[in-house]
Amino acid sequence: MLSGEDMIAIIKSGCQQFKVTEGDYIKIMPVASPEGSSVSFDQIVSAFDDNNQLLPRDKISSLKVTGTVKKHGNYKKIRVVKFKRRKHYMRSHGHKQGYTEIKIESIK
């Protein structure tokens, strides 16, 4: 009954929530695991079976979502500008947020 085929889980990683199925790639906040290592998500908010039926709380607590770290990287740079008109004031700097890309391997 609880096969990973077509099962949908909503997991929480840090302060973000992701809707995942097997084979999905997600970008989360950086984790300290090296590339190729396995990670598991223990905070599962809700889950749906292959008939889109919400699973009961006791079955959700026994679910485990595992994935593999594919790569670490940075998003594109964004420019942050502070500006005050007619005051000859402008400050500019950039920011590149890091991420870890994970492939969801199984939902069991």
N, C-alpha and C. Protein backbone atom coordinates (compact mmCIF):
# COMPACT_ATOMS: atom_id res chain seq x y z
N MET A 1 0.82 -1.20 0.00
CA MET A 1 0.00 0.00 0.00
C MET A 1 0.85 1.26 0.00
N LEU A 2 1.95 1.25 0.73
CA LEU A 2 2.77 2.46 0.83
C LEU A 2 3.99 2.36 -0.07
N SER A 3 3.77 2.09 -1.34
CA SER A 3 4.89 2.11 -2.27
C SER A 3 5.17 3.55 -2.66
N GLY A 4 6.37 3.80 -3.14
CA GLY A 4 6.74 5.15 -3.51
C GLY A 4 6.23 5.57 -4.86
N GLU A 5 5.66 4.64 -5.63
CA GLU A 5 5.18 4.95 -6.96
C GLU A 5 4.04 5.96 -6.89
N ASP A 6 4.19 7.08 -7.53
CA ASP A 6 3.16 8.11 -7.63
C ASP A 6 2.74 8.67 -6.27
N MET A 7 3.49 8.42 -5.23
CA MET A 7 3.17 8.98 -3.92
C MET A 7 3.71 10.40 -3.86
N ILE A 8 2.96 11.29 -3.26
CA ILE A 8 3.35 12.69 -3.13
C ILE A 8 3.54 12.97 -1.65
N ALA A 9 4.65 13.63 -1.31
CA ALA A 9 4.90 14.02 0.07
C ALA A 9 5.24 15.49 0.11
N ILE A 10 4.84 16.14 1.18
CA ILE A 10 5.21 17.53 1.41
C ILE A 10 6.18 17.51 2.58
N ILE A 11 7.45 17.86 2.28
CA ILE A 11 8.49 17.79 3.29
C ILE A 11 8.90 19.19 3.70
N LYS A 12 9.48 19.30 4.88
CA LYS A 12 9.95 20.58 5.39
C LYS A 12 11.46 20.49 5.55
N SER A 13 12.14 21.46 4.97
CA SER A 13 13.60 21.54 5.08
C SER A 13 13.94 22.97 5.46
N GLY A 14 14.44 23.17 6.66
CA GLY A 14 14.70 24.51 7.14
C GLY A 14 13.38 25.23 7.35
N CYS A 15 13.19 26.36 6.69
CA CYS A 15 11.93 27.09 6.81
C CYS A 15 11.11 26.99 5.53
N GLN A 16 11.49 26.06 4.63
CA GLN A 16 10.78 25.91 3.37
C GLN A 16 10.08 24.56 3.30
N GLN A 17 9.00 24.50 2.54
CA GLN A 17 8.28 23.25 2.32
C GLN A 17 8.30 22.93 0.83
N PHE A 18 8.45 21.64 0.50
CA PHE A 18 8.55 21.21 -0.88
C PHE A 18 7.58 20.07 -1.12
N LYS A 19 6.89 20.10 -2.27
CA LYS A 19 6.03 19.00 -2.70
C LYS A 19 6.86 18.12 -3.63
N VAL A 20 7.09 16.86 -3.22
CA VAL A 20 8.02 16.01 -3.95
C VAL A 20 7.38 14.66 -4.30
N THR A 21 7.86 14.09 -5.38
CA THR A 21 7.59 12.71 -5.76
C THR A 21 8.93 12.08 -6.09
N GLU A 22 8.93 10.77 -6.33
CA GLU A 22 10.19 10.10 -6.66
C GLU A 22 10.73 10.64 -7.98
N GLY A 23 12.04 10.89 -8.01
CA GLY A 23 12.69 11.37 -9.23
C GLY A 23 12.75 12.88 -9.34
N ASP A 24 12.13 13.62 -8.43
CA ASP A 24 12.17 15.09 -8.47
C ASP A 24 13.53 15.61 -8.04
N TYR A 25 13.91 16.76 -8.59
CA TYR A 25 15.09 17.49 -8.15
C TYR A 25 14.61 18.73 -7.41
N ILE A 26 15.15 18.97 -6.22
CA ILE A 26 14.80 20.17 -5.46
C ILE A 26 16.08 20.89 -5.06
N LYS A 27 15.97 22.19 -4.89
CA LYS A 27 17.09 23.01 -4.43
C LYS A 27 16.74 23.52 -3.05
N ILE A 28 17.53 23.12 -2.06
CA ILE A 28 17.28 23.51 -0.68
C ILE A 28 18.45 24.35 -0.18
N MET A 29 18.31 24.87 1.03
CA MET A 29 19.41 25.61 1.65
C MET A 29 20.61 24.68 1.77
N PRO A 30 21.83 25.20 1.74
CA PRO A 30 23.01 24.35 1.73
C PRO A 30 23.08 23.41 2.94
N VAL A 31 23.45 22.15 2.67
CA VAL A 31 23.70 21.17 3.71
C VAL A 31 25.17 20.77 3.65
N ALA A 32 25.68 20.25 4.75
CA ALA A 32 27.11 19.96 4.85
C ALA A 32 27.47 18.57 4.34
N SER A 33 26.58 17.90 3.64
CA SER A 33 26.87 16.57 3.11
C SER A 33 27.60 16.69 1.78
N PRO A 34 28.59 15.82 1.52
CA PRO A 34 29.30 15.88 0.24
C PRO A 34 28.42 15.37 -0.91
N GLU A 35 28.82 15.69 -2.14
CA GLU A 35 28.07 15.25 -3.30
C GLU A 35 28.08 13.73 -3.39
N GLY A 36 26.93 13.16 -3.73
CA GLY A 36 26.81 11.71 -3.84
C GLY A 36 26.34 11.04 -2.56
N SER A 37 26.30 11.76 -1.45
CA SER A 37 25.87 11.16 -0.20
C SER A 37 24.35 11.16 -0.10
N SER A 38 23.85 10.36 0.80
CA SER A 38 22.41 10.22 0.97
C SER A 38 21.93 11.10 2.12
N VAL A 39 20.77 11.72 1.93
CA VAL A 39 20.15 12.52 2.98
C VAL A 39 18.72 12.04 3.17
N SER A 40 18.21 12.20 4.38
CA SER A 40 16.82 11.82 4.63
C SER A 40 16.09 12.99 5.25
N PHE A 41 14.82 13.09 4.96
CA PHE A 41 13.97 14.16 5.48
C PHE A 41 12.99 13.52 6.45
N ASP A 42 13.08 13.93 7.71
CA ASP A 42 12.21 13.33 8.72
C ASP A 42 11.00 14.20 9.03
N GLN A 43 11.00 15.45 8.60
CA GLN A 43 9.85 16.32 8.84
C GLN A 43 8.93 16.26 7.63
N ILE A 44 7.92 15.39 7.69
CA ILE A 44 6.95 15.25 6.62
C ILE A 44 5.65 15.89 7.08
N VAL A 45 5.22 16.91 6.36
CA VAL A 45 4.03 17.67 6.74
C VAL A 45 2.77 16.89 6.40
N SER A 46 2.68 16.39 5.17
CA SER A 46 1.54 15.57 4.76
C SER A 46 1.97 14.71 3.59
N ALA A 47 1.14 13.71 3.28
CA ALA A 47 1.45 12.80 2.17
C ALA A 47 0.15 12.33 1.54
N PHE A 48 0.24 12.02 0.25
CA PHE A 48 -0.90 11.56 -0.52
C PHE A 48 -0.50 10.28 -1.24
N ASP A 49 -1.43 9.31 -1.31
CA ASP A 49 -1.12 8.08 -2.02
C ASP A 49 -1.38 8.27 -3.51
N ASP A 50 -1.30 7.17 -4.28
CA ASP A 50 -1.44 7.29 -5.73
C ASP A 50 -2.86 7.61 -6.19
N ASN A 51 -3.84 7.53 -5.29
CA ASN A 51 -5.21 7.93 -5.61
C ASN A 51 -5.53 9.33 -5.10
N ASN A 52 -4.53 10.10 -4.74
CA ASN A 52 -4.66 11.45 -4.19
C ASN A 52 -5.47 11.49 -2.91
N GLN A 53 -5.40 10.45 -2.12
CA GLN A 53 -6.05 10.40 -0.82
C GLN A 53 -5.03 10.78 0.25
N LEU A 54 -5.42 11.68 1.12
CA LEU A 54 -4.54 12.10 2.21
C LEU A 54 -4.32 10.94 3.17
N LEU A 55 -3.05 10.67 3.49
CA LEU A 55 -2.74 9.58 4.40
C LEU A 55 -3.00 10.00 5.84
N PRO A 56 -3.43 9.06 6.70
CA PRO A 56 -3.63 9.40 8.11
C PRO A 56 -2.31 9.71 8.81
N ARG A 57 -2.40 10.40 9.95
CA ARG A 57 -1.24 10.87 10.69
C ARG A 57 -0.30 9.74 11.12
N ASP A 58 -0.86 8.58 11.51
CA ASP A 58 0.00 7.49 11.98
C ASP A 58 0.84 6.90 10.84
N LYS A 59 0.32 6.90 9.61
CA LYS A 59 1.10 6.41 8.48
C LYS A 59 2.12 7.44 8.02
N ILE A 60 1.79 8.72 8.17
CA ILE A 60 2.75 9.77 7.80
C ILE A 60 3.96 9.72 8.72
N SER A 61 3.75 9.43 10.00
CA SER A 61 4.87 9.38 10.94
C SER A 61 5.83 8.23 10.63
N SER A 62 5.36 7.18 9.94
CA SER A 62 6.24 6.07 9.60
C SER A 62 6.89 6.25 8.23
N LEU A 63 6.52 7.28 7.46
CA LEU A 63 7.11 7.52 6.15
C LEU A 63 8.53 8.05 6.28
N LYS A 64 9.34 7.76 5.26
CA LYS A 64 10.70 8.27 5.21
C LYS A 64 10.99 8.69 3.78
N VAL A 65 11.48 9.90 3.61
CA VAL A 65 11.85 10.42 2.30
C VAL A 65 13.36 10.51 2.25
N THR A 66 13.96 9.84 1.27
CA THR A 66 15.42 9.86 1.13
C THR A 66 15.79 10.43 -0.23
N GLY A 67 16.96 11.03 -0.28
CA GLY A 67 17.45 11.62 -1.51
C GLY A 67 18.96 11.58 -1.57
N THR A 68 19.49 11.95 -2.73
CA THR A 68 20.93 11.96 -2.95
C THR A 68 21.37 13.37 -3.31
N VAL A 69 22.45 13.83 -2.71
CA VAL A 69 22.99 15.15 -3.02
C VAL A 69 23.65 15.09 -4.38
N LYS A 70 23.15 15.88 -5.33
CA LYS A 70 23.71 15.89 -6.68
C LYS A 70 24.79 16.95 -6.85
N LYS A 71 24.54 18.17 -6.35
CA LYS A 71 25.57 19.20 -6.47
C LYS A 71 25.30 20.34 -5.51
N HIS A 72 26.34 21.11 -5.26
CA HIS A 72 26.25 22.34 -4.49
C HIS A 72 26.52 23.48 -5.46
N GLY A 73 25.87 24.61 -5.25
CA GLY A 73 26.08 25.72 -6.16
C GLY A 73 25.53 27.01 -5.60
N ASN A 74 25.52 28.03 -6.45
CA ASN A 74 25.00 29.35 -6.10
C ASN A 74 23.98 29.78 -7.14
N TYR A 75 22.94 30.48 -6.69
CA TYR A 75 21.98 31.08 -7.61
C TYR A 75 22.66 32.25 -8.33
N LYS A 76 21.95 32.83 -9.31
CA LYS A 76 22.47 34.00 -9.99
C LYS A 76 22.59 35.16 -9.01
N LYS A 77 23.52 36.04 -9.29
CA LYS A 77 23.74 37.19 -8.42
C LYS A 77 22.59 38.18 -8.54
N ILE A 78 22.15 38.68 -7.40
CA ILE A 78 21.16 39.76 -7.41
C ILE A 78 21.85 41.03 -6.95
N ARG A 79 21.42 42.14 -7.47
CA ARG A 79 22.00 43.43 -7.11
C ARG A 79 21.08 44.11 -6.11
N VAL A 80 21.66 44.60 -5.02
CA VAL A 80 20.91 45.31 -4.00
C VAL A 80 21.38 46.76 -4.03
N VAL A 81 20.43 47.69 -4.20
CA VAL A 81 20.77 49.10 -4.35
C VAL A 81 20.00 49.91 -3.32
N LYS A 82 20.72 50.78 -2.60
CA LYS A 82 20.09 51.77 -1.72
C LYS A 82 20.29 53.12 -2.39
N PHE A 83 19.22 53.88 -2.50
CA PHE A 83 19.27 55.11 -3.27
C PHE A 83 18.36 56.15 -2.63
N LYS A 84 18.88 57.37 -2.53
CA LYS A 84 18.07 58.50 -2.06
C LYS A 84 18.17 59.60 -3.12
N ARG A 85 17.04 59.99 -3.64
CA ARG A 85 17.06 60.97 -4.72
C ARG A 85 17.47 62.35 -4.21
N ARG A 86 18.13 63.08 -5.07
CA ARG A 86 18.57 64.46 -4.85
C ARG A 86 19.54 64.59 -3.67
N LYS A 87 20.06 63.53 -3.11
CA LYS A 87 20.96 63.62 -1.96
C LYS A 87 22.37 63.12 -2.30
N HIS A 88 22.58 62.76 -3.55
CA HIS A 88 23.87 62.24 -4.01
C HIS A 88 24.30 61.03 -3.17
N TYR A 89 23.31 60.12 -2.96
CA TYR A 89 23.57 58.93 -2.14
C TYR A 89 23.12 57.69 -2.90
N MET A 90 24.06 56.76 -3.12
CA MET A 90 23.72 55.48 -3.73
C MET A 90 24.73 54.44 -3.28
N ARG A 91 24.24 53.33 -2.76
CA ARG A 91 25.09 52.22 -2.36
C ARG A 91 24.61 50.99 -3.11
N SER A 92 25.53 50.17 -3.56
CA SER A 92 25.18 48.99 -4.34
C SER A 92 26.08 47.83 -3.93
N HIS A 93 25.49 46.67 -3.78
CA HIS A 93 26.28 45.46 -3.58
C HIS A 93 25.49 44.27 -4.10
N GLY A 94 26.15 43.15 -4.28
CA GLY A 94 25.51 41.96 -4.83
C GLY A 94 25.45 40.85 -3.80
N HIS A 95 24.62 39.86 -4.10
CA HIS A 95 24.46 38.71 -3.20
C HIS A 95 24.19 37.46 -4.03
N LYS A 96 24.92 36.37 -3.71
CA LYS A 96 24.69 35.08 -4.36
C LYS A 96 24.34 34.07 -3.28
N GLN A 97 23.10 33.59 -3.28
CA GLN A 97 22.64 32.63 -2.29
C GLN A 97 23.08 31.22 -2.70
N GLY A 98 23.56 30.45 -1.75
CA GLY A 98 23.97 29.08 -2.03
C GLY A 98 22.80 28.12 -1.96
N TYR A 99 22.96 26.96 -2.61
CA TYR A 99 21.92 25.93 -2.57
C TYR A 99 22.57 24.56 -2.67
N THR A 100 21.81 23.55 -2.34
CA THR A 100 22.18 22.16 -2.55
C THR A 100 21.07 21.51 -3.37
N GLU A 101 21.44 20.89 -4.49
CA GLU A 101 20.45 20.23 -5.33
C GLU A 101 20.37 18.76 -4.93
N ILE A 102 19.15 18.29 -4.68
CA ILE A 102 18.93 16.93 -4.20
C ILE A 102 17.93 16.23 -5.11
N LYS A 103 18.23 14.97 -5.45
CA LYS A 103 17.29 14.14 -6.20
C LYS A 103 16.59 13.23 -5.21
N ILE A 104 15.26 13.25 -5.24
CA ILE A 104 14.46 12.41 -4.34
C ILE A 104 14.49 10.98 -4.88
N GLU A 105 15.03 10.07 -4.09
CA GLU A 105 15.17 8.68 -4.51
C GLU A 105 13.96 7.83 -4.14
N SER A 106 13.49 7.95 -2.89
CA SER A 106 12.38 7.08 -2.48
C SER A 106 11.52 7.75 -1.44
N ILE A 107 10.25 7.35 -1.44
CA ILE A 107 9.29 7.75 -0.43
C ILE A 107 8.69 6.45 0.10
N LYS A 108 9.07 6.06 1.29
CA LYS A 108 8.60 4.77 1.85
C LYS A 108 8.08 4.97 3.24
